[in-house]
Amino acid sequence: GHSDKISCISFNSKTNIIASGQSGPFSLIRLWDFYTRKCLSIFRTHDHSLYLLEYSACGNYLCGVGKDKQGKTMLVIWDVQS
């Protein structure tokens, strides 16, 4: 489902959802159902690269760290329950 190298991955054991992050100029995040292996959602926020994905302890939030087009570090938090 990715068009470039996968640079990070995180597993949410409470919901059995895997988040995979793609590196490269058009970074994106895909959420996958662990059992069906189907893509549930796609997030496109990081403009240049993505280095880290991590779920919160409660499993409701996904944190992504990457770089924007100017090379500045970005921190983005998504509410993955909604």
N, C-alpha and C. Protein backbone atom coordinates (compact mmCIF):
# COMPACT_ATOMS: atom_id res chain seq x y z
N GLY A 1 0.78 -1.21 0.00
CA GLY A 1 0.00 0.00 0.00
C GLY A 1 0.83 1.27 0.00
N HIS A 2 2.14 1.17 0.22
CA HIS A 2 3.00 2.35 0.22
C HIS A 2 3.71 2.48 -1.12
N SER A 3 4.02 3.72 -1.48
CA SER A 3 4.72 3.98 -2.75
C SER A 3 6.20 4.28 -2.55
N ASP A 4 6.67 4.29 -1.29
CA ASP A 4 8.07 4.53 -0.98
C ASP A 4 8.43 3.67 0.24
N LYS A 5 9.65 3.78 0.71
CA LYS A 5 10.12 2.97 1.83
C LYS A 5 9.34 3.26 3.10
N ILE A 6 9.08 2.20 3.88
CA ILE A 6 8.44 2.37 5.19
C ILE A 6 9.53 2.72 6.19
N SER A 7 9.35 3.84 6.87
CA SER A 7 10.38 4.32 7.79
C SER A 7 10.05 4.05 9.26
N CYS A 8 8.78 3.76 9.57
CA CYS A 8 8.41 3.48 10.95
C CYS A 8 7.09 2.72 11.00
N ILE A 9 6.90 2.03 12.12
CA ILE A 9 5.69 1.23 12.31
C ILE A 9 5.38 1.17 13.80
N SER A 10 4.08 1.12 14.12
CA SER A 10 3.66 1.03 15.51
C SER A 10 2.40 0.18 15.59
N PHE A 11 2.30 -0.64 16.63
CA PHE A 11 1.17 -1.55 16.82
C PHE A 11 0.37 -1.15 18.04
N ASN A 12 -0.93 -1.02 17.89
CA ASN A 12 -1.83 -0.71 19.00
C ASN A 12 -2.46 -2.00 19.46
N SER A 13 -2.00 -2.56 20.57
CA SER A 13 -2.47 -3.86 21.04
C SER A 13 -3.90 -3.80 21.59
N LYS A 14 -4.39 -2.60 21.90
CA LYS A 14 -5.75 -2.48 22.42
C LYS A 14 -6.79 -2.57 21.31
N THR A 15 -6.43 -2.15 20.10
CA THR A 15 -7.38 -2.17 18.97
C THR A 15 -6.92 -3.07 17.83
N ASN A 16 -5.73 -3.64 17.94
CA ASN A 16 -5.16 -4.47 16.87
C ASN A 16 -5.01 -3.72 15.56
N ILE A 17 -4.61 -2.45 15.66
CA ILE A 17 -4.39 -1.64 14.47
C ILE A 17 -2.90 -1.30 14.37
N ILE A 18 -2.36 -1.48 13.18
CA ILE A 18 -0.97 -1.16 12.90
C ILE A 18 -0.92 0.16 12.14
N ALA A 19 0.00 1.03 12.53
CA ALA A 19 0.25 2.26 11.80
C ALA A 19 1.61 2.13 11.13
N SER A 20 1.67 2.39 9.83
CA SER A 20 2.94 2.34 9.11
C SER A 20 3.18 3.69 8.46
N GLY A 21 4.42 4.18 8.57
CA GLY A 21 4.78 5.48 8.04
C GLY A 21 5.76 5.35 6.89
N GLN A 22 5.55 6.16 5.88
CA GLN A 22 6.35 6.14 4.67
C GLN A 22 7.31 7.32 4.64
N SER A 23 8.54 7.08 4.22
CA SER A 23 9.52 8.15 4.09
C SER A 23 9.42 8.74 2.68
N GLY A 24 10.25 9.74 2.43
CA GLY A 24 10.27 10.34 1.10
C GLY A 24 9.53 11.66 1.05
N PRO A 25 9.49 12.28 -0.13
CA PRO A 25 8.91 13.62 -0.25
C PRO A 25 7.39 13.67 -0.05
N PHE A 26 6.70 12.55 -0.20
CA PHE A 26 5.25 12.52 -0.02
C PHE A 26 4.89 11.53 1.08
N SER A 27 5.36 11.81 2.28
CA SER A 27 5.14 10.91 3.41
C SER A 27 3.67 10.77 3.72
N LEU A 28 3.31 9.58 4.14
CA LEU A 28 1.95 9.33 4.57
C LEU A 28 1.94 8.22 5.60
N ILE A 29 0.83 8.13 6.31
CA ILE A 29 0.64 7.11 7.33
C ILE A 29 -0.59 6.31 6.94
N ARG A 30 -0.48 5.00 7.06
CA ARG A 30 -1.62 4.13 6.81
C ARG A 30 -1.93 3.37 8.10
N LEU A 31 -3.21 3.26 8.39
CA LEU A 31 -3.67 2.44 9.50
C LEU A 31 -4.22 1.14 8.92
N TRP A 32 -3.78 0.02 9.48
CA TRP A 32 -4.13 -1.31 8.98
C TRP A 32 -4.81 -2.13 10.07
N ASP A 33 -5.81 -2.90 9.67
CA ASP A 33 -6.40 -3.88 10.57
C ASP A 33 -5.46 -5.09 10.58
N PHE A 34 -5.00 -5.47 11.76
CA PHE A 34 -4.02 -6.54 11.88
C PHE A 34 -4.54 -7.88 11.34
N TYR A 35 -5.80 -8.17 11.60
CA TYR A 35 -6.35 -9.47 11.22
C TYR A 35 -6.77 -9.56 9.75
N THR A 36 -7.39 -8.51 9.23
CA THR A 36 -7.86 -8.56 7.84
C THR A 36 -6.82 -8.06 6.84
N ARG A 37 -5.80 -7.36 7.35
CA ARG A 37 -4.74 -6.78 6.52
C ARG A 37 -5.25 -5.72 5.54
N LYS A 38 -6.37 -5.10 5.89
CA LYS A 38 -6.94 -4.05 5.05
C LYS A 38 -6.58 -2.68 5.60
N CYS A 39 -6.35 -1.75 4.67
CA CYS A 39 -6.05 -0.36 5.04
C CYS A 39 -7.35 0.30 5.48
N LEU A 40 -7.33 0.89 6.69
CA LEU A 40 -8.51 1.52 7.25
C LEU A 40 -8.54 3.03 7.02
N SER A 41 -7.35 3.64 6.95
CA SER A 41 -7.28 5.08 6.82
C SER A 41 -5.90 5.51 6.35
N ILE A 42 -5.83 6.70 5.74
CA ILE A 42 -4.57 7.28 5.29
C ILE A 42 -4.48 8.71 5.80
N PHE A 43 -3.34 9.07 6.40
CA PHE A 43 -3.08 10.43 6.86
C PHE A 43 -1.93 10.99 6.04
N ARG A 44 -2.08 12.21 5.55
CA ARG A 44 -1.02 12.90 4.81
C ARG A 44 -0.75 14.23 5.51
N THR A 45 0.26 14.25 6.34
CA THR A 45 0.56 15.48 7.08
C THR A 45 2.01 15.92 6.92
N HIS A 46 2.94 15.01 7.06
CA HIS A 46 4.37 15.37 6.98
C HIS A 46 4.73 15.63 5.52
N ASP A 47 5.28 16.80 5.26
CA ASP A 47 5.58 17.19 3.90
C ASP A 47 6.84 16.56 3.33
N HIS A 48 7.75 16.13 4.16
CA HIS A 48 9.01 15.65 3.63
C HIS A 48 9.37 14.25 4.11
N SER A 49 9.42 14.03 5.40
CA SER A 49 9.84 12.72 5.89
C SER A 49 9.20 12.43 7.24
N LEU A 50 9.13 11.16 7.56
CA LEU A 50 8.52 10.69 8.79
C LEU A 50 9.49 9.73 9.45
N TYR A 51 9.79 9.96 10.74
CA TYR A 51 10.80 9.18 11.44
C TYR A 51 10.25 8.27 12.53
N LEU A 52 9.14 8.65 13.16
CA LEU A 52 8.68 7.94 14.33
C LEU A 52 7.16 7.94 14.39
N LEU A 53 6.59 6.80 14.75
CA LEU A 53 5.17 6.67 15.08
C LEU A 53 5.06 5.96 16.41
N GLU A 54 4.17 6.44 17.27
CA GLU A 54 3.98 5.79 18.56
C GLU A 54 2.56 6.06 19.04
N TYR A 55 1.90 4.99 19.51
CA TYR A 55 0.57 5.13 20.11
C TYR A 55 0.68 5.58 21.55
N SER A 56 -0.33 6.31 22.02
CA SER A 56 -0.39 6.68 23.43
C SER A 56 -0.70 5.44 24.25
N ALA A 57 -0.50 5.52 25.55
CA ALA A 57 -0.73 4.38 26.44
C ALA A 57 -2.18 3.91 26.40
N CYS A 58 -3.11 4.84 26.22
CA CYS A 58 -4.53 4.48 26.17
C CYS A 58 -4.92 3.93 24.80
N GLY A 59 -4.08 4.18 23.78
CA GLY A 59 -4.35 3.68 22.43
C GLY A 59 -5.23 4.57 21.59
N ASN A 60 -5.67 5.70 22.13
CA ASN A 60 -6.57 6.59 21.39
C ASN A 60 -5.86 7.58 20.48
N TYR A 61 -4.57 7.78 20.70
CA TYR A 61 -3.83 8.80 19.95
C TYR A 61 -2.59 8.21 19.31
N LEU A 62 -2.26 8.74 18.15
CA LEU A 62 -1.05 8.34 17.43
C LEU A 62 -0.19 9.58 17.24
N CYS A 63 1.06 9.49 17.62
CA CYS A 63 2.00 10.60 17.52
C CYS A 63 2.97 10.32 16.38
N GLY A 64 3.20 11.32 15.54
CA GLY A 64 4.15 11.21 14.45
C GLY A 64 5.18 12.31 14.52
N VAL A 65 6.43 11.97 14.27
CA VAL A 65 7.52 12.95 14.25
C VAL A 65 8.19 12.88 12.89
N GLY A 66 8.38 14.04 12.28
CA GLY A 66 9.00 14.10 10.96
C GLY A 66 9.55 15.47 10.67
N LYS A 67 9.81 15.73 9.40
CA LYS A 67 10.34 17.02 8.96
C LYS A 67 9.42 17.62 7.91
N ASP A 68 9.31 18.96 7.93
CA ASP A 68 8.54 19.63 6.91
C ASP A 68 9.45 20.00 5.73
N LYS A 69 8.93 20.74 4.75
CA LYS A 69 9.71 21.09 3.56
C LYS A 69 10.92 21.97 3.85
N GLN A 70 10.87 22.72 4.95
CA GLN A 70 12.00 23.58 5.34
C GLN A 70 13.00 22.85 6.22
N GLY A 71 12.76 21.58 6.50
CA GLY A 71 13.66 20.80 7.33
C GLY A 71 13.43 20.97 8.82
N LYS A 72 12.33 21.61 9.19
CA LYS A 72 12.00 21.79 10.60
C LYS A 72 11.26 20.57 11.11
N THR A 73 11.53 20.23 12.38
CA THR A 73 10.90 19.07 12.99
C THR A 73 9.43 19.36 13.25
N MET A 74 8.60 18.38 12.90
CA MET A 74 7.16 18.48 13.13
C MET A 74 6.72 17.38 14.09
N LEU A 75 5.80 17.71 14.97
CA LEU A 75 5.16 16.74 15.86
C LEU A 75 3.67 16.86 15.61
N VAL A 76 3.05 15.74 15.23
CA VAL A 76 1.62 15.74 14.93
C VAL A 76 0.97 14.64 15.77
N ILE A 77 -0.20 14.94 16.32
CA ILE A 77 -0.95 13.96 17.11
C ILE A 77 -2.33 13.81 16.49
N TRP A 78 -2.70 12.56 16.22
CA TRP A 78 -4.01 12.25 15.65
C TRP A 78 -4.87 11.51 16.67
N ASP A 79 -6.14 11.83 16.69
CA ASP A 79 -7.12 11.07 17.48
C ASP A 79 -7.59 9.94 16.58
N VAL A 80 -7.05 8.74 16.79
CA VAL A 80 -7.34 7.61 15.88
C VAL A 80 -8.66 6.93 16.20
N GLN A 81 -9.30 7.29 17.30
CA GLN A 81 -10.61 6.72 17.63
C GLN A 81 -11.71 7.35 16.81
N SER A 82 -11.51 8.60 16.39
CA SER A 82 -12.53 9.25 15.57
C SER A 82 -12.12 9.19 14.12
